[in-house]
Full PDB file with SEQRES, HELIX, SHEET, SSBOND, CRYST1, ORIGX, SCALE, CONECT and MASTER records, all heavy atoms in Angstrom:
SEQRES   1 A   31  VAL VAL LEU SER PRO ALA TYR GLN TRP TYR GLY TRP GLU          
SEQRES   2 A   31  VAL ARG MET TYR SER LEU THR PRO LEU LEU ALA GLY PHE          
SEQRES   3 A   31  THR THR TYR LEU LEU                                          
HELIX    1 AA1 PRO A    5  TYR A   10  1                                   6    
HELIX    2 AA2 LEU A   19  LEU A   30  1                                  12    
CRYST1    1.000    1.000    1.000  90.00  90.00  90.00 P 1           1          
ORIGX1      1.000000  0.000000  0.000000        0.00000                         
ORIGX2      0.000000  1.000000  0.000000        0.00000                         
ORIGX3      0.000000  0.000000  1.000000        0.00000                         
SCALE1      1.000000  0.000000  0.000000        0.00000                         
SCALE2      0.000000  1.000000  0.000000        0.00000                         
SCALE3      0.000000  0.000000  1.000000        0.00000                         
ATOM      1  N   VAL A   1       0.817  -1.185  -0.010  1.00  0.00           N  
ATOM      2  CA  VAL A   1      -0.033   0.016  -0.008  1.00  0.00           C  
ATOM      3  C   VAL A   1       0.877   1.246  -0.008  1.00  0.00           C  
ATOM      4  O   VAL A   1       0.592   2.247  -0.654  1.00  0.00           O  
ATOM      5  CB  VAL A   1      -0.954  -0.025   1.188  1.00  0.00           C  
ATOM      6  CG1 VAL A   1      -1.674   1.299   1.321  1.00  0.00           C  
ATOM      7  CG2 VAL A   1      -1.990  -1.110   1.023  1.00  0.00           C  
ATOM      8  N   VAL A   2       1.936   1.198   0.766  1.00  0.00           N  
ATOM      9  CA  VAL A   2       2.839   2.397   0.834  1.00  0.00           C  
ATOM     10  C   VAL A   2       3.478   2.657  -0.523  1.00  0.00           C  
ATOM     11  O   VAL A   2       3.530   3.844  -0.996  1.00  0.00           O  
ATOM     12  CB  VAL A   2       3.977   2.121   1.832  1.00  0.00           C  
ATOM     13  CG1 VAL A   2       5.013   3.228   1.794  1.00  0.00           C  
ATOM     14  CG2 VAL A   2       3.375   2.054   3.278  1.00  0.00           C  
ATOM     15  N   LEU A   3       3.835   1.569  -1.307  1.00  0.00           N  
ATOM     16  CA  LEU A   3       4.522   1.772  -2.498  1.00  0.00           C  
ATOM     17  C   LEU A   3       3.627   1.819  -3.744  1.00  0.00           C  
ATOM     18  O   LEU A   3       4.080   1.980  -4.919  1.00  0.00           O  
ATOM     19  CB  LEU A   3       5.568   0.640  -2.700  1.00  0.00           C  
ATOM     20  CG  LEU A   3       6.626   0.502  -1.632  1.00  0.00           C  
ATOM     21  CD1 LEU A   3       7.523  -0.702  -1.912  1.00  0.00           C  
ATOM     22  CD2 LEU A   3       7.446   1.818  -1.522  1.00  0.00           C  
ATOM     23  N   SER A   4       2.307   1.632  -3.500  1.00  0.00           N  
ATOM     24  CA  SER A   4       1.383   1.545  -4.689  1.00  0.00           C  
ATOM     25  C   SER A   4       1.251   2.861  -5.367  1.00  0.00           C  
ATOM     26  O   SER A   4       0.866   3.857  -4.761  1.00  0.00           O  
ATOM     27  CB  SER A   4       0.010   1.092  -4.154  1.00  0.00           C  
ATOM     28  OG  SER A   4      -0.928   1.188  -5.188  1.00  0.00           O  
ATOM     29  N   PRO A   5       1.576   2.945  -6.659  1.00  0.00           N  
ATOM     30  CA  PRO A   5       1.341   4.256  -7.488  1.00  0.00           C  
ATOM     31  C   PRO A   5      -0.135   4.617  -7.488  1.00  0.00           C  
ATOM     32  O   PRO A   5      -0.431   5.825  -7.481  1.00  0.00           O  
ATOM     33  CB  PRO A   5       1.879   3.910  -8.810  1.00  0.00           C  
ATOM     34  CG  PRO A   5       2.798   2.725  -8.613  1.00  0.00           C  
ATOM     35  CD  PRO A   5       2.218   1.929  -7.501  1.00  0.00           C  
ATOM     36  N   ALA A   6      -1.054   3.612  -7.543  1.00  0.00           N  
ATOM     37  CA  ALA A   6      -2.451   3.941  -7.560  1.00  0.00           C  
ATOM     38  C   ALA A   6      -2.886   4.651  -6.314  1.00  0.00           C  
ATOM     39  O   ALA A   6      -3.632   5.673  -6.418  1.00  0.00           O  
ATOM     40  CB  ALA A   6      -3.261   2.656  -7.738  1.00  0.00           C  
ATOM     41  N   TYR A   7      -2.555   4.186  -5.116  1.00  0.00           N  
ATOM     42  CA  TYR A   7      -2.906   4.800  -3.913  1.00  0.00           C  
ATOM     43  C   TYR A   7      -2.231   6.178  -3.755  1.00  0.00           C  
ATOM     44  O   TYR A   7      -2.788   7.052  -3.159  1.00  0.00           O  
ATOM     45  CB  TYR A   7      -2.608   3.966  -2.703  1.00  0.00           C  
ATOM     46  CG  TYR A   7      -3.569   2.798  -2.565  1.00  0.00           C  
ATOM     47  CD1 TYR A   7      -3.155   1.432  -2.616  1.00  0.00           C  
ATOM     48  CD2 TYR A   7      -4.964   3.082  -2.355  1.00  0.00           C  
ATOM     49  CE1 TYR A   7      -4.058   0.456  -2.426  1.00  0.00           C  
ATOM     50  CE2 TYR A   7      -5.886   2.023  -2.213  1.00  0.00           C  
ATOM     51  CZ  TYR A   7      -5.407   0.707  -2.232  1.00  0.00           C  
ATOM     52  OH  TYR A   7      -6.314  -0.324  -2.075  1.00  0.00           O  
ATOM     53  N   GLN A   8      -1.031   6.281  -4.344  1.00  0.00           N  
ATOM     54  CA  GLN A   8      -0.339   7.530  -4.314  1.00  0.00           C  
ATOM     55  C   GLN A   8      -1.074   8.578  -5.162  1.00  0.00           C  
ATOM     56  O   GLN A   8      -1.282   9.719  -4.717  1.00  0.00           O  
ATOM     57  CB  GLN A   8       1.100   7.377  -4.866  1.00  0.00           C  
ATOM     58  CG  GLN A   8       1.918   8.601  -5.059  1.00  0.00           C  
ATOM     59  CD  GLN A   8       2.265   9.309  -3.775  1.00  0.00           C  
ATOM     60  OE1 GLN A   8       2.193   8.693  -2.733  1.00  0.00           O  
ATOM     61  NE2 GLN A   8       2.605  10.592  -3.850  1.00  0.00           N  
ATOM     62  N   TRP A   9      -1.490   8.202  -6.320  1.00  0.00           N  
ATOM     63  CA  TRP A   9      -2.194   9.158  -7.217  1.00  0.00           C  
ATOM     64  C   TRP A   9      -3.609   9.519  -6.632  1.00  0.00           C  
ATOM     65  O   TRP A   9      -3.919  10.670  -6.556  1.00  0.00           O  
ATOM     66  CB  TRP A   9      -2.356   8.516  -8.583  1.00  0.00           C  
ATOM     67  CG  TRP A   9      -3.008   9.405  -9.572  1.00  0.00           C  
ATOM     68  CD1 TRP A   9      -4.395   9.360  -9.854  1.00  0.00           C  
ATOM     69  CD2 TRP A   9      -2.442  10.430 -10.346  1.00  0.00           C  
ATOM     70  NE1 TRP A   9      -4.635  10.377 -10.830  1.00  0.00           N  
ATOM     71  CE2 TRP A   9      -3.453  11.005 -11.127  1.00  0.00           C  
ATOM     72  CE3 TRP A   9      -1.173  10.923 -10.476  1.00  0.00           C  
ATOM     73  CZ2 TRP A   9      -3.214  12.063 -12.031  1.00  0.00           C  
ATOM     74  CZ3 TRP A   9      -0.961  11.954 -11.414  1.00  0.00           C  
ATOM     75  CH2 TRP A   9      -1.960  12.524 -12.136  1.00  0.00           C  
ATOM     76  N   TYR A  10      -4.392   8.489  -6.310  1.00  0.00           N  
ATOM     77  CA  TYR A  10      -5.742   8.789  -5.898  1.00  0.00           C  
ATOM     78  C   TYR A  10      -5.781   9.359  -4.489  1.00  0.00           C  
ATOM     79  O   TYR A  10      -6.804   9.986  -4.086  1.00  0.00           O  
ATOM     80  CB  TYR A  10      -6.570   7.547  -5.978  1.00  0.00           C  
ATOM     81  CG  TYR A  10      -6.848   7.135  -7.443  1.00  0.00           C  
ATOM     82  CD1 TYR A  10      -6.310   6.039  -7.978  1.00  0.00           C  
ATOM     83  CD2 TYR A  10      -7.749   7.923  -8.215  1.00  0.00           C  
ATOM     84  CE1 TYR A  10      -6.563   5.661  -9.308  1.00  0.00           C  
ATOM     85  CE2 TYR A  10      -8.023   7.576  -9.519  1.00  0.00           C  
ATOM     86  CZ  TYR A  10      -7.424   6.456 -10.067  1.00  0.00           C  
ATOM     87  OH  TYR A  10      -7.654   6.090 -11.388  1.00  0.00           O  
ATOM     88  N   GLY A  11      -4.705   9.174  -3.692  1.00  0.00           N  
ATOM     89  CA  GLY A  11      -4.655   9.804  -2.396  1.00  0.00           C  
ATOM     90  C   GLY A  11      -4.636  11.326  -2.436  1.00  0.00           C  
ATOM     91  O   GLY A  11      -4.956  12.080  -1.512  1.00  0.00           O  
ATOM     92  N   TRP A  12      -4.180  11.883  -3.650  1.00  0.00           N  
ATOM     93  CA  TRP A  12      -4.033  13.271  -3.826  1.00  0.00           C  
ATOM     94  C   TRP A  12      -5.390  13.928  -4.231  1.00  0.00           C  
ATOM     95  O   TRP A  12      -5.632  15.152  -4.011  1.00  0.00           O  
ATOM     96  CB  TRP A  12      -3.057  13.634  -4.911  1.00  0.00           C  
ATOM     97  CG  TRP A  12      -1.636  13.630  -4.462  1.00  0.00           C  
ATOM     98  CD1 TRP A  12      -1.159  13.940  -3.238  1.00  0.00           C  
ATOM     99  CD2 TRP A  12      -0.510  13.327  -5.294  1.00  0.00           C  
ATOM    100  NE1 TRP A  12       0.155  13.748  -3.182  1.00  0.00           N  
ATOM    101  CE2 TRP A  12       0.624  13.424  -4.474  1.00  0.00           C  
ATOM    102  CE3 TRP A  12      -0.307  12.909  -6.611  1.00  0.00           C  
ATOM    103  CZ2 TRP A  12       1.923  13.166  -4.922  1.00  0.00           C  
ATOM    104  CZ3 TRP A  12       0.950  12.681  -7.031  1.00  0.00           C  
ATOM    105  CH2 TRP A  12       2.071  12.760  -6.178  1.00  0.00           C  
ATOM    106  N   GLU A  13      -6.303  13.140  -4.773  1.00  0.00           N  
ATOM    107  CA  GLU A  13      -7.529  13.692  -5.348  1.00  0.00           C  
ATOM    108  C   GLU A  13      -8.577  14.056  -4.340  1.00  0.00           C  
ATOM    109  O   GLU A  13      -8.742  13.304  -3.374  1.00  0.00           O  
ATOM    110  CB  GLU A  13      -8.098  12.746  -6.376  1.00  0.00           C  
ATOM    111  CG  GLU A  13      -7.174  12.518  -7.640  1.00  0.00           C  
ATOM    112  CD  GLU A  13      -7.878  12.114  -8.809  1.00  0.00           C  
ATOM    113  OE1 GLU A  13      -9.138  11.862  -8.746  1.00  0.00           O  
ATOM    114  OE2 GLU A  13      -7.233  11.954  -9.872  1.00  0.00           O  
ATOM    115  N   VAL A  14      -9.279  15.129  -4.579  1.00  0.00           N  
ATOM    116  CA  VAL A  14     -10.396  15.516  -3.706  1.00  0.00           C  
ATOM    117  C   VAL A  14     -11.624  14.779  -4.128  1.00  0.00           C  
ATOM    118  O   VAL A  14     -12.601  15.274  -4.633  1.00  0.00           O  
ATOM    119  CB  VAL A  14     -10.640  17.056  -3.786  1.00  0.00           C  
ATOM    120  CG1 VAL A  14     -11.655  17.500  -2.744  1.00  0.00           C  
ATOM    121  CG2 VAL A  14      -9.309  17.797  -3.631  1.00  0.00           C  
ATOM    122  N   ARG A  15     -11.537  13.487  -3.995  1.00  0.00           N  
ATOM    123  CA  ARG A  15     -12.568  12.529  -4.286  1.00  0.00           C  
ATOM    124  C   ARG A  15     -12.623  11.417  -3.168  1.00  0.00           C  
ATOM    125  O   ARG A  15     -11.831  11.452  -2.336  1.00  0.00           O  
ATOM    126  CB  ARG A  15     -12.415  11.894  -5.690  1.00  0.00           C  
ATOM    127  CG  ARG A  15     -12.405  12.883  -6.821  1.00  0.00           C  
ATOM    128  CD  ARG A  15     -13.792  13.545  -7.022  1.00  0.00           C  
ATOM    129  NE  ARG A  15     -14.724  12.653  -7.630  1.00  0.00           N  
ATOM    130  CZ  ARG A  15     -15.993  12.911  -7.785  1.00  0.00           C  
ATOM    131  NH1 ARG A  15     -16.517  14.097  -7.317  1.00  0.00           N  
ATOM    132  NH2 ARG A  15     -16.819  12.066  -8.367  1.00  0.00           N  
ATOM    133  N   MET A  16     -13.526  10.546  -3.413  1.00  0.00           N  
ATOM    134  CA  MET A  16     -13.769   9.515  -2.330  1.00  0.00           C  
ATOM    135  C   MET A  16     -12.895   8.251  -2.506  1.00  0.00           C  
ATOM    136  O   MET A  16     -13.061   7.288  -1.836  1.00  0.00           O  
ATOM    137  CB  MET A  16     -15.245   9.080  -2.320  1.00  0.00           C  
ATOM    138  CG  MET A  16     -15.718   8.295  -3.537  1.00  0.00           C  
ATOM    139  SD  MET A  16     -15.848   9.273  -5.075  1.00  0.00           S  
ATOM    140  CE  MET A  16     -16.962  10.562  -4.619  1.00  0.00           C  
ATOM    141  N   TYR A  17     -11.914   8.311  -3.425  1.00  0.00           N  
ATOM    142  CA  TYR A  17     -11.162   7.140  -3.801  1.00  0.00           C  
ATOM    143  C   TYR A  17     -10.282   6.594  -2.631  1.00  0.00           C  
ATOM    144  O   TYR A  17      -9.970   5.365  -2.680  1.00  0.00           O  
ATOM    145  CB  TYR A  17     -10.311   7.395  -5.000  1.00  0.00           C  
ATOM    146  CG  TYR A  17     -11.120   7.955  -6.171  1.00  0.00           C  
ATOM    147  CD1 TYR A  17     -10.634   9.084  -6.863  1.00  0.00           C  
ATOM    148  CD2 TYR A  17     -12.332   7.398  -6.592  1.00  0.00           C  
ATOM    149  CE1 TYR A  17     -11.364   9.590  -7.929  1.00  0.00           C  
ATOM    150  CE2 TYR A  17     -13.053   7.939  -7.624  1.00  0.00           C  
ATOM    151  CZ  TYR A  17     -12.609   9.042  -8.324  1.00  0.00           C  
ATOM    152  OH  TYR A  17     -13.297   9.561  -9.320  1.00  0.00           O  
ATOM    153  N   SER A  18      -9.848   7.373  -1.748  1.00  0.00           N  
ATOM    154  CA  SER A  18      -9.035   6.860  -0.638  1.00  0.00           C  
ATOM    155  C   SER A  18      -9.908   6.559   0.597  1.00  0.00           C  
ATOM    156  O   SER A  18      -9.572   5.704   1.421  1.00  0.00           O  
ATOM    157  CB  SER A  18      -7.935   7.857  -0.280  1.00  0.00           C  
ATOM    158  OG  SER A  18      -8.469   9.115   0.085  1.00  0.00           O  
ATOM    159  N   LEU A  19     -11.049   7.207   0.780  1.00  0.00           N  
ATOM    160  CA  LEU A  19     -11.937   6.896   1.844  1.00  0.00           C  
ATOM    161  C   LEU A  19     -12.600   5.577   1.684  1.00  0.00           C  
ATOM    162  O   LEU A  19     -12.818   4.871   2.639  1.00  0.00           O  
ATOM    163  CB  LEU A  19     -12.961   8.024   1.988  1.00  0.00           C  
ATOM    164  CG  LEU A  19     -14.033   7.852   3.089  1.00  0.00           C  
ATOM    165  CD1 LEU A  19     -13.389   7.808   4.479  1.00  0.00           C  
ATOM    166  CD2 LEU A  19     -15.087   8.937   3.020  1.00  0.00           C  
ATOM    167  N   THR A  20     -12.961   5.241   0.446  1.00  0.00           N  
ATOM    168  CA  THR A  20     -13.698   4.007   0.158  1.00  0.00           C  
ATOM    169  C   THR A  20     -12.938   2.749   0.655  1.00  0.00           C  
ATOM    170  O   THR A  20     -13.482   1.930   1.398  1.00  0.00           O  
ATOM    171  CB  THR A  20     -14.105   3.927  -1.298  1.00  0.00           C  
ATOM    172  OG1 THR A  20     -14.883   5.022  -1.639  1.00  0.00           O  
ATOM    173  CG2 THR A  20     -14.842   2.647  -1.565  1.00  0.00           C  
ATOM    174  N   PRO A  21     -11.707   2.590   0.233  1.00  0.00           N  
ATOM    175  CA  PRO A  21     -10.945   1.393   0.708  1.00  0.00           C  
ATOM    176  C   PRO A  21     -10.714   1.361   2.183  1.00  0.00           C  
ATOM    177  O   PRO A  21     -10.686   0.273   2.803  1.00  0.00           O  
ATOM    178  CB  PRO A  21      -9.685   1.349  -0.104  1.00  0.00           C  
ATOM    179  CG  PRO A  21      -9.513   2.746  -0.536  1.00  0.00           C  
ATOM    180  CD  PRO A  21     -10.829   3.285  -0.705  1.00  0.00           C  
ATOM    181  N   LEU A  22     -10.547   2.548   2.790  1.00  0.00           N  
ATOM    182  CA  LEU A  22     -10.343   2.576   4.228  1.00  0.00           C  
ATOM    183  C   LEU A  22     -11.578   2.154   4.953  1.00  0.00           C  
ATOM    184  O   LEU A  22     -11.514   1.290   5.894  1.00  0.00           O  
ATOM    185  CB  LEU A  22     -10.050   4.042   4.649  1.00  0.00           C  
ATOM    186  CG  LEU A  22      -9.816   4.241   6.125  1.00  0.00           C  
ATOM    187  CD1 LEU A  22      -8.611   3.457   6.655  1.00  0.00           C  
ATOM    188  CD2 LEU A  22      -9.669   5.749   6.417  1.00  0.00           C  
ATOM    189  N   LEU A  23     -12.762   2.580   4.520  1.00  0.00           N  
ATOM    190  CA  LEU A  23     -14.011   2.143   5.164  1.00  0.00           C  
ATOM    191  C   LEU A  23     -14.281   0.668   4.854  1.00  0.00           C  
ATOM    192  O   LEU A  23     -14.812  -0.034   5.756  1.00  0.00           O  
ATOM    193  CB  LEU A  23     -15.165   3.023   4.713  1.00  0.00           C  
ATOM    194  CG  LEU A  23     -15.118   4.454   5.152  1.00  0.00           C  
ATOM    195  CD1 LEU A  23     -16.330   5.219   4.616  1.00  0.00           C  
ATOM    196  CD2 LEU A  23     -15.043   4.554   6.720  1.00  0.00           C  
ATOM    197  N   ALA A  24     -13.908   0.235   3.625  1.00  0.00           N  
ATOM    198  CA  ALA A  24     -14.155  -1.178   3.325  1.00  0.00           C  
ATOM    199  C   ALA A  24     -13.292  -2.128   4.176  1.00  0.00           C  
ATOM    200  O   ALA A  24     -13.831  -3.156   4.689  1.00  0.00           O  
ATOM    201  CB  ALA A  24     -13.790  -1.427   1.859  1.00  0.00           C  
ATOM    202  N   GLY A  25     -12.049  -1.733   4.382  1.00  0.00           N  
ATOM    203  CA  GLY A  25     -11.176  -2.497   5.291  1.00  0.00           C  
ATOM    204  C   GLY A  25     -11.706  -2.541   6.722  1.00  0.00           C  
ATOM    205  O   GLY A  25     -11.671  -3.595   7.424  1.00  0.00           O  
ATOM    206  N   PHE A  26     -12.100  -1.352   7.173  1.00  0.00           N  
ATOM    207  CA  PHE A  26     -12.527  -1.227   8.585  1.00  0.00           C  
ATOM    208  C   PHE A  26     -13.798  -2.032   8.818  1.00  0.00           C  
ATOM    209  O   PHE A  26     -13.921  -2.789   9.805  1.00  0.00           O  
ATOM    210  CB  PHE A  26     -12.730   0.197   8.886  1.00  0.00           C  
ATOM    211  CG  PHE A  26     -13.206   0.501  10.342  1.00  0.00           C  
ATOM    212  CD1 PHE A  26     -12.340   0.218  11.392  1.00  0.00           C  
ATOM    213  CD2 PHE A  26     -14.447   0.984  10.613  1.00  0.00           C  
ATOM    214  CE1 PHE A  26     -12.722   0.470  12.717  1.00  0.00           C  
ATOM    215  CE2 PHE A  26     -14.891   1.201  11.910  1.00  0.00           C  
ATOM    216  CZ  PHE A  26     -14.011   0.928  12.925  1.00  0.00           C  
ATOM    217  N   THR A  27     -14.769  -1.897   7.929  1.00  0.00           N  
ATOM    218  CA  THR A  27     -16.080  -2.608   8.107  1.00  0.00           C  
ATOM    219  C   THR A  27     -15.878  -4.142   7.970  1.00  0.00           C  
ATOM    220  O   THR A  27     -16.490  -4.941   8.665  1.00  0.00           O  
ATOM    221  CB  THR A  27     -17.117  -2.139   7.114  1.00  0.00           C  
ATOM    222  OG1 THR A  27     -16.601  -2.200   5.781  1.00  0.00           O  
ATOM    223  CG2 THR A  27     -17.492  -0.727   7.420  1.00  0.00           C  
ATOM    224  N   THR A  28     -14.989  -4.555   7.093  1.00  0.00           N  
ATOM    225  CA  THR A  28     -14.711  -5.989   6.884  1.00  0.00           C  
ATOM    226  C   THR A  28     -14.023  -6.523   8.185  1.00  0.00           C  
ATOM    227  O   THR A  28     -14.379  -7.658   8.618  1.00  0.00           O  
ATOM    228  CB  THR A  28     -13.788  -6.244   5.692  1.00  0.00           C  
ATOM    229  OG1 THR A  28     -14.404  -5.686   4.517  1.00  0.00           O  
ATOM    230  CG2 THR A  28     -13.495  -7.713   5.505  1.00  0.00           C  
ATOM    231  N   TYR A  29     -13.166  -5.813   8.758  1.00  0.00           N  
ATOM    232  CA  TYR A  29     -12.517  -6.207   9.991  1.00  0.00           C  
ATOM    233  C   TYR A  29     -13.520  -6.333  11.084  1.00  0.00           C  
ATOM    234  O   TYR A  29     -13.525  -7.349  11.843  1.00  0.00           O  
ATOM    235  CB  TYR A  29     -11.429  -5.194  10.384  1.00  0.00           C  
ATOM    236  CG  TYR A  29     -10.799  -5.454  11.680  1.00  0.00           C  
ATOM    237  CD1 TYR A  29      -9.801  -6.429  11.807  1.00  0.00           C  
ATOM    238  CD2 TYR A  29     -11.072  -4.723  12.841  1.00  0.00           C  
ATOM    239  CE1 TYR A  29      -9.231  -6.743  13.061  1.00  0.00           C  
ATOM    240  CE2 TYR A  29     -10.512  -4.998  14.054  1.00  0.00           C  
ATOM    241  CZ  TYR A  29      -9.511  -5.961  14.125  1.00  0.00           C  
ATOM    242  OH  TYR A  29      -8.934  -6.256  15.339  1.00  0.00           O  
ATOM    243  N   LEU A  30     -14.418  -5.401  11.241  1.00  0.00           N  
ATOM    244  CA  LEU A  30     -15.463  -5.510  12.265  1.00  0.00           C  
ATOM    245  C   LEU A  30     -16.391  -6.680  11.992  1.00  0.00           C  
ATOM    246  O   LEU A  30     -16.811  -7.340  12.960  1.00  0.00           O  
ATOM    247  CB  LEU A  30     -16.242  -4.205  12.293  1.00  0.00           C  
ATOM    248  CG  LEU A  30     -15.586  -2.953  12.738  1.00  0.00           C  
ATOM    249  CD1 LEU A  30     -16.531  -1.741  12.712  1.00  0.00           C  
ATOM    250  CD2 LEU A  30     -14.947  -3.118  14.139  1.00  0.00           C  
ATOM    251  N   LEU A  31     -16.684  -6.942  10.719  1.00  0.00           N  
ATOM    252  CA  LEU A  31     -17.557  -8.046  10.412  1.00  0.00           C  
ATOM    253  C   LEU A  31     -16.858  -9.413  10.813  1.00  0.00           C  
ATOM    254  O   LEU A  31     -17.526 -10.285  11.394  1.00  0.00           O  
ATOM    255  CB  LEU A  31     -17.910  -8.103   8.951  1.00  0.00           C  
ATOM    256  CG  LEU A  31     -18.743  -9.234   8.433  1.00  0.00           C  
ATOM    257  CD1 LEU A  31     -20.097  -9.265   9.105  1.00  0.00           C  
ATOM    258  CD2 LEU A  31     -18.920  -9.188   6.920  1.00  0.00           C  
TER     259      LEU A  31                                                      
MASTER        0    0    0    2    0    0    0    6  258    1    0    3          
END                                                                             
Protein backbone atom coordinates (compact mmCIF):
# COMPACT_ATOMS: atom_id res chain seq x y z
CA VAL A 1 0.00 0.00 0.00
CA VAL A 2 2.85 2.37 0.82
CA LEU A 3 4.54 1.78 -2.54
CA SER A 4 1.40 1.54 -4.66
CA PRO A 5 1.33 4.22 -7.42
CA ALA A 6 -2.46 3.95 -7.57
CA TYR A 7 -2.93 4.82 -3.91
CA GLN A 8 -0.33 7.54 -4.30
CA TRP A 9 -2.21 9.12 -7.19
CA TYR A 10 -5.74 8.79 -5.90
CA GLY A 11 -4.70 9.83 -2.41
CA TRP A 12 -4.08 13.30 -3.82
CA GLU A 13 -7.51 13.71 -5.37
CA VAL A 14 -10.38 15.52 -3.72
CA ARG A 15 -12.60 12.52 -4.31
CA MET A 16 -13.76 9.50 -2.35
CA TYR A 17 -11.17 7.12 -3.79
CA SER A 18 -9.04 6.85 -0.62
CA LEU A 19 -11.93 6.93 1.87
CA THR A 20 -13.71 4.01 0.19
CA PRO A 21 -10.98 1.34 0.69
CA LEU A 22 -10.35 2.60 4.23
CA LEU A 23 -14.00 2.14 5.18
CA ALA A 24 -14.15 -1.18 3.31
CA GLY A 25 -11.21 -2.55 5.29
CA PHE A 26 -12.55 -1.24 8.58
CA THR A 27 -16.06 -2.63 8.12
CA THR A 28 -14.69 -5.98 6.91
CA TYR A 29 -12.50 -6.19 9.99
CA LEU A 30 -15.47 -5.48 12.26
CA LEU A 31 -17.55 -8.08 10.42
